[in-house]
Amino acid sequence: MEVRDHPNHPNIPYEALSWCWGKAKWTEPIQIKDGGRPQTLNVLPNLKKALVALRHKSKRRILWVDAICIDQNNPIEKSLQVPMMAHIYGNALRVLVWLGDGDLHSQRALNFVNTKLLRFREFDHLREDPETAEKWESFIRLMRRPWFSRRWVIQEIAMAKEGIMQCGAHSIRWEDFADAVSLFIEMDKKTRRYSRTVIDTLAAPHLVDVISKLFQRTDSGEQQRALSLEYLVFNLSPFETTDPRDTVYALLSLAKDVLRQTDQRPELNEASPAIRRTARTNSNLSAQSYPVDYKQSTLSVYRHFMEYCIRRSERTRAMDIICRPWAPCPSFSPASPECPKLPSWIMSLDEAPFRSDLGHDIYTATPRKNADPLVSMPGKDHQSYSAAGVLPWTEWRFQERQDSYSMLVNGFVVDEVSEVTEPALLGNIPAEWCSAAGWTDPGYDEPPEAFWKTLIADGGPQGRAPRHYRRACKDAFHGLYPGQDLSSSAIVSETPNSAIADFLRRVQATTWNRCLCRTKRGRIGLVHRNTKEGDLVCILYGCSVPVVFRKFKKPQEEVQADGKPDPPRAQYNATGDNEWYYELIGPCYLHGMMGGEAIAFKNEQGITNKTFDIR
């Protein structure tokens, strides 16, 4: 293998490799010539397999390979190269996808796709034929290959002029494979052959779906990026990265709100001569308004991402980002053997509704682990709630200390938690929820409106809760003996009544692993499982849902050192709070306080605004 720099031949044809790094060590030696000098370079095992499999026996093949062409130990070089990745993959003759070594299943799957599945006239027969069962099973195994769950591959294959996927000695065009995945999903919709658990944990369908939404064509035929950076980071959380900073960096070239500039990149004089030449040649392509800097810590990269999104979001819900799970634990970085605790205003992927394990073999357990976020999707026109009314965020800021990282935000306390029930494990409703809500006889009495609407967070498929959900709630609980929990999963799988099943699926999506709470002012709501008596229910300006805070006394030396804090510019006359800091426990649904009622209540009660020091 020979490594060459082509500064005087920028248009030399080449192919780019897309592959899965994995978690192995760089232990496999390859022989390379760099400037005519032979030397040994250690690479990852999967890369060596790819290079051996893809090399031509009788002619030269020019490949661009990230692990070889970028010095992975040089943060300056990485910071310069990453903004150019879309250009590199987009200008390659083709992108070669290495799925790994072949086996019986991959051979059977690719043969099935190439010779049978893509023949439309035979599709209905293939869908119903029991003899194709093992072929569909092999195709499922192929779709679980680790490559499909890598975050970087989204950009690599989306930008490709042509994609060729290779598994061992067998290959298929990306367009053909994507069509086969689409047909597989269509087959399952008709036959229900596989459980939702199997389908939801397949990485390949998710990848195909994501790529289909990345771009849109204008009336003039120009292709434009369609999705914001915040939308991409939040919705692509199941796709993994080795370095947690790439949670953001891997998606920059795909985001419609990331523009290119020339003044936000590291100094070129710190990079190698070859990289300086490449960056200058592609200066209009490599520099973006969003800086890429691998010298920054993971926490700094996360903070900058949040600031970037808040300042570009609609002001009445810009703070919703603190209520969305999106951030991998920094321990995923090889440089971080231990997981430093994230500030509570950065929501970890531990709180995501589904496990981030696309591509793994999960056939029995449900992939759901938490309820859905209460806040709407980033950029979505319809807003489910407006707890702060139409009032936007006021000025806010971050404050870094030696042992903490604060986010200072304005808002007010609307209530205090007085009682917390057991959580709804696996979406099953504990019997004590009914008694806590004042429903003494679920078997016969009508459900209280506050209770059945709280169970579904007063929402449904089209926004507001359908009227018949009240009746569905009553029928779902009918027949339970005193003290019996409601097993929503069992009822959904057994009931012939689709209305009850739809209601309970909504209940699962809103209550899974959450607790029911009562407040001092007599309200009920849904809260995070770690909520305790005495926690505060608060409204933040610019956040569409209430949040639960737990306050802690600041050390006296910190109080004295800080003095009276300068709160963010007080559009609503917020007062600084020098003695306390706050931990965000999570967003909450508080019945009767989700549509701006809290603002009127605050004015009636004379509640003062304050600046929350969130850590």
Foldseek 3Di string as FASTA:
>chain_A
DEDDFCLPCPLDAAEEEQEDQDDDDQAQWDWYAYPNDIDIGGGGPQVVVVCVLPADPPDGHHYDYCPPVADPVDQQRVLQCLLCLLVVLLSHQFYEYELEADDPLVVLQVCCLVPPCPPVVCLVVCLPPPVCVSNLVSVLLSLLRLSLQALLVLSNHLSTPWYWYDHHNDIDTPVSNLVSLVSSVVSCVVVVPADVQSVVQRSNPVSSVVSVQQWDADPVRDIAGDAAQQLCLQVSQLRDDLAQLCSRSSCLVSHRPKAFDQPAGPDLVVDDPSSSSVCVVVVRRRGIPDGRGPVDQSLVSVVVVLVVQLVPADFQASLQQLFGARGAFRCSHPVRVDGDDHFSSHHHCVAAQFDSNRSDDDRDDHRGQHAHGPFDRGPDPDTQFRLQARFGWFFWDWDDDPPDIWTKFKWFFQFFFADKDAACAQLKAWLVLCVLLPNPCLQDDQRPPLSLCQLLLQAAPVRGDDPCSSVLSSVQSHPDDRRDIRPLVVCLVPPPDVVNNRSSVSSCNNRHQWIWTATPVGWIKTFHNPDDGGWTWIDTRNRQFIWTKDKDFDPPVQLVVCPQPDHGDCPQPAGEDSGIAIETRHTMRIPPSGYNVSVVVCVVVVTGMHMHTGD
